[in-house]
């Protein structure tokens, strides 16, 4: 039984790393939302800014409700309005 569990863990780790590496190569996009799309703030803002510093080639997308909060966003951020079809 222990041997079977070791094999399951071994193959699941290999599967996870392969899937992650394939996905990572295909999709370099990260999506954020803070306070249900009310604002560009808090921990998600800090994470998105640090992510952009570390990986500037990643596409950073924010889901926001109001268009008046778009003026404080950096240039590298793509905004998707929460009532837009792209959001779903």
N, C-alpha and C. Protein backbone atom coordinates (compact mmCIF):
# COMPACT_ATOMS: atom_id res chain seq x y z
N UNK A 1 0.83 -1.20 0.00
CA UNK A 1 0.00 0.00 0.00
C UNK A 1 0.87 1.25 0.00
N UNK A 2 1.95 1.26 0.79
CA UNK A 2 2.84 2.41 0.83
C UNK A 2 3.50 2.65 -0.53
N UNK A 3 3.80 1.56 -1.22
CA UNK A 3 4.44 1.67 -2.52
C UNK A 3 3.48 2.31 -3.54
N UNK A 4 2.24 1.94 -3.46
CA UNK A 4 1.22 2.51 -4.36
C UNK A 4 1.07 4.00 -4.09
N UNK A 5 1.04 4.38 -2.84
CA UNK A 5 0.91 5.80 -2.48
C UNK A 5 2.12 6.58 -2.97
N UNK A 6 3.32 6.00 -2.84
CA UNK A 6 4.52 6.66 -3.34
C UNK A 6 4.44 6.88 -4.84
N UNK A 7 3.97 5.87 -5.58
CA UNK A 7 3.83 6.01 -7.04
C UNK A 7 2.79 7.07 -7.40
N UNK A 8 1.71 7.09 -6.67
CA UNK A 8 0.66 8.09 -6.93
C UNK A 8 1.21 9.49 -6.69
N UNK A 9 1.92 9.68 -5.61
CA UNK A 9 2.50 10.99 -5.31
C UNK A 9 3.54 11.36 -6.36
N UNK A 10 4.38 10.41 -6.73
CA UNK A 10 5.42 10.65 -7.73
C UNK A 10 4.82 11.08 -9.06
N UNK A 11 3.84 10.32 -9.54
CA UNK A 11 3.25 10.64 -10.84
C UNK A 11 2.40 11.89 -10.79
N UNK A 12 1.77 12.16 -9.66
CA UNK A 12 0.98 13.40 -9.57
C UNK A 12 1.90 14.61 -9.58
N UNK A 13 3.08 14.51 -8.95
CA UNK A 13 4.03 15.61 -8.99
C UNK A 13 4.56 15.83 -10.40
N UNK A 14 4.86 14.76 -11.10
CA UNK A 14 5.32 14.90 -12.49
C UNK A 14 4.21 15.50 -13.34
N UNK A 15 3.01 15.00 -13.20
CA UNK A 15 1.87 15.52 -13.97
C UNK A 15 1.66 17.01 -13.68
N UNK A 16 1.69 17.38 -12.41
CA UNK A 16 1.47 18.78 -12.03
C UNK A 16 2.55 19.68 -12.62
N UNK A 17 3.82 19.28 -12.52
CA UNK A 17 4.89 20.13 -13.04
C UNK A 17 4.82 20.24 -14.56
N UNK A 18 4.47 19.17 -15.24
CA UNK A 18 4.35 19.23 -16.70
C UNK A 18 3.19 20.12 -17.12
N UNK A 19 2.05 19.96 -16.49
CA UNK A 19 0.88 20.79 -16.81
C UNK A 19 1.18 22.25 -16.50
N UNK A 20 1.81 22.50 -15.37
CA UNK A 20 2.14 23.87 -15.00
C UNK A 20 3.09 24.49 -16.02
N UNK A 21 4.11 23.75 -16.42
CA UNK A 21 5.07 24.31 -17.37
C UNK A 21 4.43 24.57 -18.73
N UNK A 22 3.54 23.70 -19.16
CA UNK A 22 2.85 23.91 -20.43
C UNK A 22 1.94 25.12 -20.33
N UNK A 23 1.16 25.20 -19.26
CA UNK A 23 0.26 26.31 -19.08
C UNK A 23 1.03 27.62 -18.95
N UNK A 24 2.14 27.58 -18.24
CA UNK A 24 2.94 28.77 -18.03
C UNK A 24 3.48 29.31 -19.35
N UNK A 25 3.84 28.41 -20.25
CA UNK A 25 4.35 28.85 -21.55
C UNK A 25 3.25 29.41 -22.43
N UNK A 26 2.07 28.86 -22.32
CA UNK A 26 0.97 29.29 -23.17
C UNK A 26 0.33 30.57 -22.64
N UNK A 27 0.03 30.59 -21.39
CA UNK A 27 -0.77 31.66 -20.80
C UNK A 27 0.03 32.41 -19.75
N UNK A 28 0.36 33.65 -20.03
CA UNK A 28 1.05 34.49 -19.05
C UNK A 28 0.12 35.65 -18.71
N UNK A 29 -0.98 35.32 -18.12
CA UNK A 29 -2.00 36.31 -17.78
C UNK A 29 -2.47 36.08 -16.36
N UNK A 30 -2.56 37.17 -15.60
CA UNK A 30 -3.02 37.10 -14.22
C UNK A 30 -4.17 38.08 -14.06
N UNK A 31 -5.24 37.62 -13.39
CA UNK A 31 -6.42 38.46 -13.22
C UNK A 31 -6.61 38.80 -11.76
N UNK A 32 -7.02 40.05 -11.52
CA UNK A 32 -7.20 40.55 -10.16
C UNK A 32 -8.56 41.21 -10.00
N UNK A 33 -9.02 41.18 -8.76
CA UNK A 33 -10.25 41.87 -8.39
C UNK A 33 -10.16 42.19 -6.90
N UNK A 34 -10.51 43.41 -6.53
CA UNK A 34 -10.45 43.82 -5.14
C UNK A 34 -11.80 44.37 -4.70
N UNK A 35 -12.28 43.89 -3.58
CA UNK A 35 -13.57 44.32 -3.03
C UNK A 35 -14.68 44.21 -4.07
N UNK A 36 -14.77 43.07 -4.70
CA UNK A 36 -15.80 42.75 -5.70
C UNK A 36 -15.80 43.73 -6.86
N UNK A 37 -14.62 44.22 -7.23
CA UNK A 37 -14.49 45.10 -8.38
C UNK A 37 -14.74 46.56 -8.09
N UNK A 38 -14.78 46.92 -6.83
CA UNK A 38 -15.08 48.32 -6.49
C UNK A 38 -13.89 49.24 -6.67
N UNK A 39 -12.67 48.72 -6.49
CA UNK A 39 -11.51 49.60 -6.57
C UNK A 39 -10.22 48.84 -6.86
N UNK A 40 -9.23 49.61 -7.29
CA UNK A 40 -7.88 49.11 -7.54
C UNK A 40 -7.08 49.40 -6.27
N UNK A 41 -7.08 48.44 -5.32
CA UNK A 41 -6.45 48.71 -4.04
C UNK A 41 -6.11 47.43 -3.29
N UNK A 42 -5.61 47.61 -2.09
CA UNK A 42 -5.36 46.57 -1.11
C UNK A 42 -4.28 45.58 -1.55
N UNK A 43 -4.33 44.37 -1.05
CA UNK A 43 -3.30 43.37 -1.35
C UNK A 43 -3.24 43.00 -2.83
N UNK A 44 -4.37 42.86 -3.54
CA UNK A 44 -4.25 42.54 -4.96
C UNK A 44 -3.48 43.60 -5.74
N UNK A 45 -3.62 44.86 -5.36
CA UNK A 45 -2.87 45.93 -6.02
C UNK A 45 -1.38 45.75 -5.79
N UNK A 46 -0.99 45.49 -4.55
CA UNK A 46 0.42 45.30 -4.24
C UNK A 46 0.99 44.09 -4.97
N UNK A 47 0.21 43.03 -5.03
CA UNK A 47 0.67 41.82 -5.71
C UNK A 47 0.81 42.07 -7.21
N UNK A 48 -0.14 42.77 -7.80
CA UNK A 48 -0.07 43.02 -9.25
C UNK A 48 1.10 43.94 -9.59
N UNK A 49 1.38 44.93 -8.74
CA UNK A 49 2.51 45.82 -9.00
C UNK A 49 3.84 45.09 -8.86
N UNK A 50 3.95 44.25 -7.84
CA UNK A 50 5.18 43.47 -7.65
C UNK A 50 5.35 42.45 -8.78
N UNK A 51 4.25 41.85 -9.19
CA UNK A 51 4.30 40.89 -10.29
C UNK A 51 4.79 41.56 -11.57
N UNK A 52 4.34 42.77 -11.81
CA UNK A 52 4.79 43.49 -13.00
C UNK A 52 6.28 43.81 -12.93
N UNK A 53 6.78 44.12 -11.74
CA UNK A 53 8.21 44.39 -11.59
C UNK A 53 9.03 43.13 -11.84
N UNK A 54 8.55 42.00 -11.32
CA UNK A 54 9.30 40.75 -11.47
C UNK A 54 9.16 40.13 -12.85
N UNK A 55 7.94 40.20 -13.41
CA UNK A 55 7.65 39.58 -14.70
C UNK A 55 6.92 40.58 -15.60
N UNK A 56 7.64 41.50 -16.22
CA UNK A 56 6.97 42.52 -17.03
C UNK A 56 6.28 41.97 -18.28
N UNK A 57 6.59 40.74 -18.67
CA UNK A 57 5.94 40.17 -19.85
C UNK A 57 4.58 39.57 -19.54
N UNK A 58 4.20 39.48 -18.28
CA UNK A 58 2.88 38.97 -17.93
C UNK A 58 1.81 40.00 -18.23
N UNK A 59 0.67 39.54 -18.68
CA UNK A 59 -0.47 40.41 -18.93
C UNK A 59 -1.28 40.49 -17.64
N UNK A 60 -1.48 41.70 -17.13
CA UNK A 60 -2.20 41.90 -15.88
C UNK A 60 -3.57 42.49 -16.19
N UNK A 61 -4.60 41.79 -15.75
CA UNK A 61 -5.98 42.18 -16.03
C UNK A 61 -6.68 42.44 -14.70
N UNK A 62 -7.42 43.55 -14.65
CA UNK A 62 -8.22 43.88 -13.48
C UNK A 62 -9.68 43.92 -13.84
N UNK A 63 -10.52 43.35 -12.98
CA UNK A 63 -11.97 43.41 -13.14
C UNK A 63 -12.48 44.55 -12.26
N UNK A 64 -13.11 45.54 -12.87
CA UNK A 64 -13.62 46.69 -12.13
C UNK A 64 -15.06 46.98 -12.51
N UNK A 65 -15.80 47.58 -11.57
CA UNK A 65 -17.19 47.94 -11.80
C UNK A 65 -17.34 49.30 -12.45
N UNK A 66 -16.68 50.30 -11.87
CA UNK A 66 -16.88 51.69 -12.29
C UNK A 66 -15.74 52.16 -13.17
N UNK A 67 -16.09 52.87 -14.20
CA UNK A 67 -15.07 53.39 -15.10
C UNK A 67 -14.33 54.59 -14.52
N UNK A 68 -14.87 55.26 -13.52
CA UNK A 68 -14.17 56.41 -12.94
C UNK A 68 -12.94 56.00 -12.13
N UNK A 69 -12.82 54.74 -11.77
CA UNK A 69 -11.63 54.28 -11.05
C UNK A 69 -10.50 53.88 -11.99
N UNK A 70 -10.72 53.98 -13.31
CA UNK A 70 -9.69 53.60 -14.27
C UNK A 70 -8.54 54.60 -14.31
N UNK A 71 -8.75 55.84 -13.89
CA UNK A 71 -7.73 56.87 -14.05
C UNK A 71 -6.52 56.65 -13.13
N UNK A 72 -6.63 55.85 -12.11
CA UNK A 72 -5.49 55.62 -11.21
C UNK A 72 -4.69 54.37 -11.60
N UNK A 73 -5.10 53.71 -12.66
CA UNK A 73 -4.44 52.47 -13.06
C UNK A 73 -3.15 52.75 -13.84
N UNK A 74 -2.14 51.92 -13.64
CA UNK A 74 -0.93 52.04 -14.46
C UNK A 74 -1.22 51.68 -15.92
N UNK A 75 -0.32 52.05 -16.80
CA UNK A 75 -0.51 51.81 -18.23
C UNK A 75 -0.49 50.34 -18.61
N UNK A 76 0.21 49.53 -17.86
CA UNK A 76 0.35 48.12 -18.21
C UNK A 76 -0.86 47.27 -17.82
N UNK A 77 -1.82 47.83 -17.12
CA UNK A 77 -2.99 47.09 -16.66
C UNK A 77 -4.10 47.14 -17.70
N UNK A 78 -4.64 45.98 -18.02
CA UNK A 78 -5.82 45.91 -18.88
C UNK A 78 -7.04 45.80 -17.98
N UNK A 79 -8.07 46.54 -18.32
CA UNK A 79 -9.27 46.57 -17.50
C UNK A 79 -10.41 45.88 -18.25
N UNK A 80 -11.12 45.04 -17.52
CA UNK A 80 -12.33 44.43 -18.05
C UNK A 80 -13.46 44.83 -17.12
N UNK A 81 -14.46 45.46 -17.70
CA UNK A 81 -15.61 45.89 -16.92
C UNK A 81 -16.39 44.65 -16.50
N UNK A 82 -16.84 44.63 -15.26
CA UNK A 82 -17.48 43.43 -14.73
C UNK A 82 -18.81 43.10 -15.41
N UNK A 83 -19.42 44.08 -16.05
CA UNK A 83 -20.68 43.80 -16.73
C UNK A 83 -20.47 43.47 -18.20
N UNK A 84 -19.23 43.33 -18.59
CA UNK A 84 -18.88 42.99 -19.96
C UNK A 84 -18.91 41.48 -20.16
N UNK A 85 -19.11 41.06 -21.39
CA UNK A 85 -19.16 39.64 -21.72
C UNK A 85 -17.79 38.97 -21.48
N UNK A 86 -16.70 39.71 -21.67
CA UNK A 86 -15.36 39.17 -21.44
C UNK A 86 -15.16 38.71 -19.99
N UNK A 87 -15.85 39.37 -19.07
CA UNK A 87 -15.72 39.03 -17.65
C UNK A 87 -16.20 37.61 -17.39
N UNK A 88 -17.27 37.22 -18.05
CA UNK A 88 -17.82 35.89 -17.82
C UNK A 88 -17.03 34.85 -18.57
